[in-house]
Amino acid sequence: MSTKLILDDVEYDLEGISPEAEKWLKMYQFAHRRIYEAEGLRSVLQKAKNGYTKEIKKEILASKAGLSFDE
């Protein structure tokens, strides 16, 4: 385990922390990892949404114009 932790721009020494503090640290690390994973997933989903939006717009324009914009 890392011996230092920075929270709100304050560095804390983790050497010899209590079992209770260690429990909270593990929960903090878990939440931090999950947030990081969720941000990555959000990025992927946003890219997919943007692609779907582009295709919807293309289809709507094609149906209104009576044209095909297929590549």
N, C-alpha and C. Protein backbone atom coordinates (compact mmCIF):
# COMPACT_ATOMS: atom_id res chain seq x y z
N MET A 1 0.85 -1.18 0.00
CA MET A 1 0.00 0.00 0.00
C MET A 1 0.89 1.23 0.00
N SER A 2 0.47 2.25 -0.73
CA SER A 2 1.19 3.51 -0.76
C SER A 2 1.22 4.11 0.64
N THR A 3 2.30 4.77 0.98
CA THR A 3 2.40 5.32 2.33
C THR A 3 1.93 6.76 2.42
N LYS A 4 1.54 7.35 1.28
CA LYS A 4 1.05 8.73 1.26
C LYS A 4 -0.27 8.79 0.50
N LEU A 5 -1.11 9.71 0.90
CA LEU A 5 -2.38 9.94 0.22
C LEU A 5 -2.63 11.44 0.22
N ILE A 6 -3.02 11.96 -0.94
CA ILE A 6 -3.33 13.38 -1.04
C ILE A 6 -4.83 13.54 -1.20
N LEU A 7 -5.43 14.26 -0.26
CA LEU A 7 -6.86 14.56 -0.27
C LEU A 7 -7.03 16.06 -0.10
N ASP A 8 -7.72 16.68 -1.03
CA ASP A 8 -7.96 18.13 -0.96
C ASP A 8 -6.66 18.90 -0.78
N ASP A 9 -5.66 18.53 -1.58
CA ASP A 9 -4.35 19.19 -1.58
C ASP A 9 -3.59 19.06 -0.27
N VAL A 10 -3.97 18.13 0.57
CA VAL A 10 -3.24 17.88 1.81
C VAL A 10 -2.69 16.46 1.74
N GLU A 11 -1.40 16.31 2.02
CA GLU A 11 -0.77 14.98 1.98
C GLU A 11 -0.85 14.35 3.37
N TYR A 12 -1.33 13.10 3.39
CA TYR A 12 -1.45 12.35 4.64
C TYR A 12 -0.52 11.15 4.61
N ASP A 13 0.13 10.91 5.73
CA ASP A 13 0.99 9.74 5.89
C ASP A 13 0.12 8.58 6.34
N LEU A 14 0.16 7.48 5.61
CA LEU A 14 -0.68 6.33 5.91
C LEU A 14 0.03 5.28 6.75
N GLU A 15 1.26 5.54 7.04
CA GLU A 15 2.04 4.60 7.85
C GLU A 15 1.42 4.46 9.24
N GLY A 16 1.06 3.25 9.60
CA GLY A 16 0.54 2.98 10.94
C GLY A 16 -0.87 3.49 11.19
N ILE A 17 -1.70 3.59 10.13
CA ILE A 17 -3.07 4.05 10.35
C ILE A 17 -3.87 2.98 11.07
N SER A 18 -4.93 3.39 11.71
CA SER A 18 -5.76 2.46 12.47
C SER A 18 -6.51 1.52 11.52
N PRO A 19 -6.95 0.38 12.04
CA PRO A 19 -7.75 -0.52 11.21
C PRO A 19 -9.01 0.16 10.67
N GLU A 20 -9.61 1.05 11.45
CA GLU A 20 -10.80 1.77 11.01
C GLU A 20 -10.45 2.69 9.83
N ALA A 21 -9.33 3.40 9.94
CA ALA A 21 -8.90 4.28 8.85
C ALA A 21 -8.54 3.46 7.62
N GLU A 22 -7.95 2.29 7.81
CA GLU A 22 -7.62 1.42 6.68
C GLU A 22 -8.89 0.94 5.97
N LYS A 23 -9.92 0.66 6.74
CA LYS A 23 -11.21 0.25 6.16
C LYS A 23 -11.78 1.38 5.29
N TRP A 24 -11.75 2.61 5.81
CA TRP A 24 -12.25 3.76 5.06
C TRP A 24 -11.40 4.02 3.83
N LEU A 25 -10.10 3.82 3.95
CA LEU A 25 -9.20 4.01 2.81
C LEU A 25 -9.52 3.02 1.70
N LYS A 26 -9.77 1.78 2.05
CA LYS A 26 -10.11 0.77 1.04
C LYS A 26 -11.43 1.12 0.34
N MET A 27 -12.40 1.62 1.09
CA MET A 27 -13.67 2.02 0.48
C MET A 27 -13.47 3.23 -0.43
N TYR A 28 -12.62 4.17 0.01
CA TYR A 28 -12.29 5.34 -0.81
C TYR A 28 -11.63 4.90 -2.12
N GLN A 29 -10.67 4.00 -2.03
CA GLN A 29 -9.96 3.52 -3.23
C GLN A 29 -10.92 2.79 -4.17
N PHE A 30 -11.83 2.01 -3.61
CA PHE A 30 -12.82 1.32 -4.43
C PHE A 30 -13.69 2.33 -5.17
N ALA A 31 -14.20 3.33 -4.45
CA ALA A 31 -15.05 4.35 -5.07
C ALA A 31 -14.28 5.11 -6.13
N HIS A 32 -13.03 5.43 -5.85
CA HIS A 32 -12.19 6.16 -6.81
C HIS A 32 -12.02 5.35 -8.10
N ARG A 33 -11.75 4.06 -7.96
CA ARG A 33 -11.60 3.19 -9.14
C ARG A 33 -12.90 3.11 -9.93
N ARG A 34 -14.02 2.97 -9.23
CA ARG A 34 -15.31 2.88 -9.92
C ARG A 34 -15.64 4.17 -10.67
N ILE A 35 -15.32 5.31 -10.10
CA ILE A 35 -15.54 6.58 -10.78
C ILE A 35 -14.70 6.64 -12.04
N TYR A 36 -13.44 6.22 -11.95
CA TYR A 36 -12.54 6.20 -13.11
C TYR A 36 -13.10 5.30 -14.20
N GLU A 37 -13.58 4.12 -13.82
CA GLU A 37 -14.16 3.19 -14.80
C GLU A 37 -15.44 3.78 -15.42
N ALA A 38 -16.26 4.40 -14.60
CA ALA A 38 -17.51 4.99 -15.10
C ALA A 38 -17.23 6.12 -16.07
N GLU A 39 -16.19 6.91 -15.80
CA GLU A 39 -15.83 7.99 -16.72
C GLU A 39 -15.40 7.43 -18.06
N GLY A 40 -14.66 6.33 -18.05
CA GLY A 40 -14.26 5.68 -19.30
C GLY A 40 -15.46 5.16 -20.06
N LEU A 41 -16.38 4.54 -19.35
CA LEU A 41 -17.59 4.03 -19.98
C LEU A 41 -18.42 5.18 -20.54
N ARG A 42 -18.51 6.26 -19.80
CA ARG A 42 -19.25 7.42 -20.28
C ARG A 42 -18.67 7.94 -21.58
N SER A 43 -17.37 7.96 -21.67
CA SER A 43 -16.71 8.41 -22.90
C SER A 43 -17.07 7.53 -24.08
N VAL A 44 -17.03 6.23 -23.88
CA VAL A 44 -17.38 5.29 -24.95
C VAL A 44 -18.83 5.47 -25.37
N LEU A 45 -19.72 5.58 -24.38
CA LEU A 45 -21.14 5.74 -24.69
C LEU A 45 -21.42 7.07 -25.38
N GLN A 46 -20.71 8.12 -25.01
CA GLN A 46 -20.89 9.41 -25.66
C GLN A 46 -20.48 9.33 -27.13
N LYS A 47 -19.39 8.63 -27.42
CA LYS A 47 -18.96 8.46 -28.81
C LYS A 47 -20.01 7.68 -29.60
N ALA A 48 -20.56 6.65 -28.99
CA ALA A 48 -21.61 5.87 -29.66
C ALA A 48 -22.84 6.74 -29.91
N LYS A 49 -23.23 7.51 -28.92
CA LYS A 49 -24.39 8.40 -29.07
C LYS A 49 -24.17 9.39 -30.20
N ASN A 50 -22.97 9.96 -30.27
CA ASN A 50 -22.66 10.91 -31.34
C ASN A 50 -22.78 10.25 -32.71
N GLY A 51 -22.32 9.01 -32.82
CA GLY A 51 -22.43 8.27 -34.07
C GLY A 51 -23.88 8.01 -34.44
N TYR A 52 -24.67 7.63 -33.44
CA TYR A 52 -26.10 7.38 -33.70
C TYR A 52 -26.80 8.66 -34.13
N THR A 53 -26.45 9.77 -33.48
CA THR A 53 -27.05 11.06 -33.83
C THR A 53 -26.75 11.41 -35.28
N LYS A 54 -25.51 11.20 -35.68
CA LYS A 54 -25.10 11.48 -37.06
C LYS A 54 -25.93 10.66 -38.05
N GLU A 55 -26.09 9.36 -37.75
CA GLU A 55 -26.84 8.47 -38.63
C GLU A 55 -28.32 8.84 -38.67
N ILE A 56 -28.90 9.21 -37.54
CA ILE A 56 -30.30 9.62 -37.51
C ILE A 56 -30.51 10.84 -38.38
N LYS A 57 -29.64 11.84 -38.21
CA LYS A 57 -29.75 13.06 -39.01
C LYS A 57 -29.64 12.74 -40.50
N LYS A 58 -28.69 11.88 -40.84
CA LYS A 58 -28.50 11.50 -42.24
C LYS A 58 -29.75 10.83 -42.80
N GLU A 59 -30.36 9.94 -42.05
CA GLU A 59 -31.55 9.23 -42.50
C GLU A 59 -32.74 10.18 -42.63
N ILE A 60 -32.88 11.10 -41.69
CA ILE A 60 -33.99 12.06 -41.76
C ILE A 60 -33.84 12.95 -43.00
N LEU A 61 -32.63 13.44 -43.22
CA LEU A 61 -32.39 14.28 -44.40
C LEU A 61 -32.62 13.49 -45.69
N ALA A 62 -32.18 12.26 -45.71
CA ALA A 62 -32.35 11.43 -46.91
C ALA A 62 -33.83 11.19 -47.20
N SER A 63 -34.60 10.92 -46.17
CA SER A 63 -36.02 10.63 -46.39
C SER A 63 -36.76 11.90 -46.83
N LYS A 64 -36.38 13.06 -46.32
CA LYS A 64 -37.03 14.29 -46.71
C LYS A 64 -36.65 14.71 -48.13
N ALA A 65 -35.39 14.46 -48.50
CA ALA A 65 -34.90 14.87 -49.82
C ALA A 65 -35.18 13.81 -50.87
N GLY A 66 -35.49 12.59 -50.42
CA GLY A 66 -35.69 11.51 -51.37
C GLY A 66 -34.37 11.04 -51.97
N LEU A 67 -33.30 11.27 -51.25
CA LEU A 67 -31.96 10.90 -51.73
C LEU A 67 -31.36 9.86 -50.79
N SER A 68 -30.32 9.23 -51.29
CA SER A 68 -29.56 8.31 -50.46
C SER A 68 -28.16 8.87 -50.26
N PHE A 69 -27.75 8.96 -48.99
CA PHE A 69 -26.42 9.46 -48.67
C PHE A 69 -25.47 8.34 -48.30
N ASP A 70 -25.80 7.12 -48.69
CA ASP A 70 -24.94 5.98 -48.36
C ASP A 70 -23.57 6.18 -48.99
N GLU A 71 -22.58 5.75 -48.23
CA GLU A 71 -21.20 5.90 -48.71
C GLU A 71 -20.78 4.72 -49.53
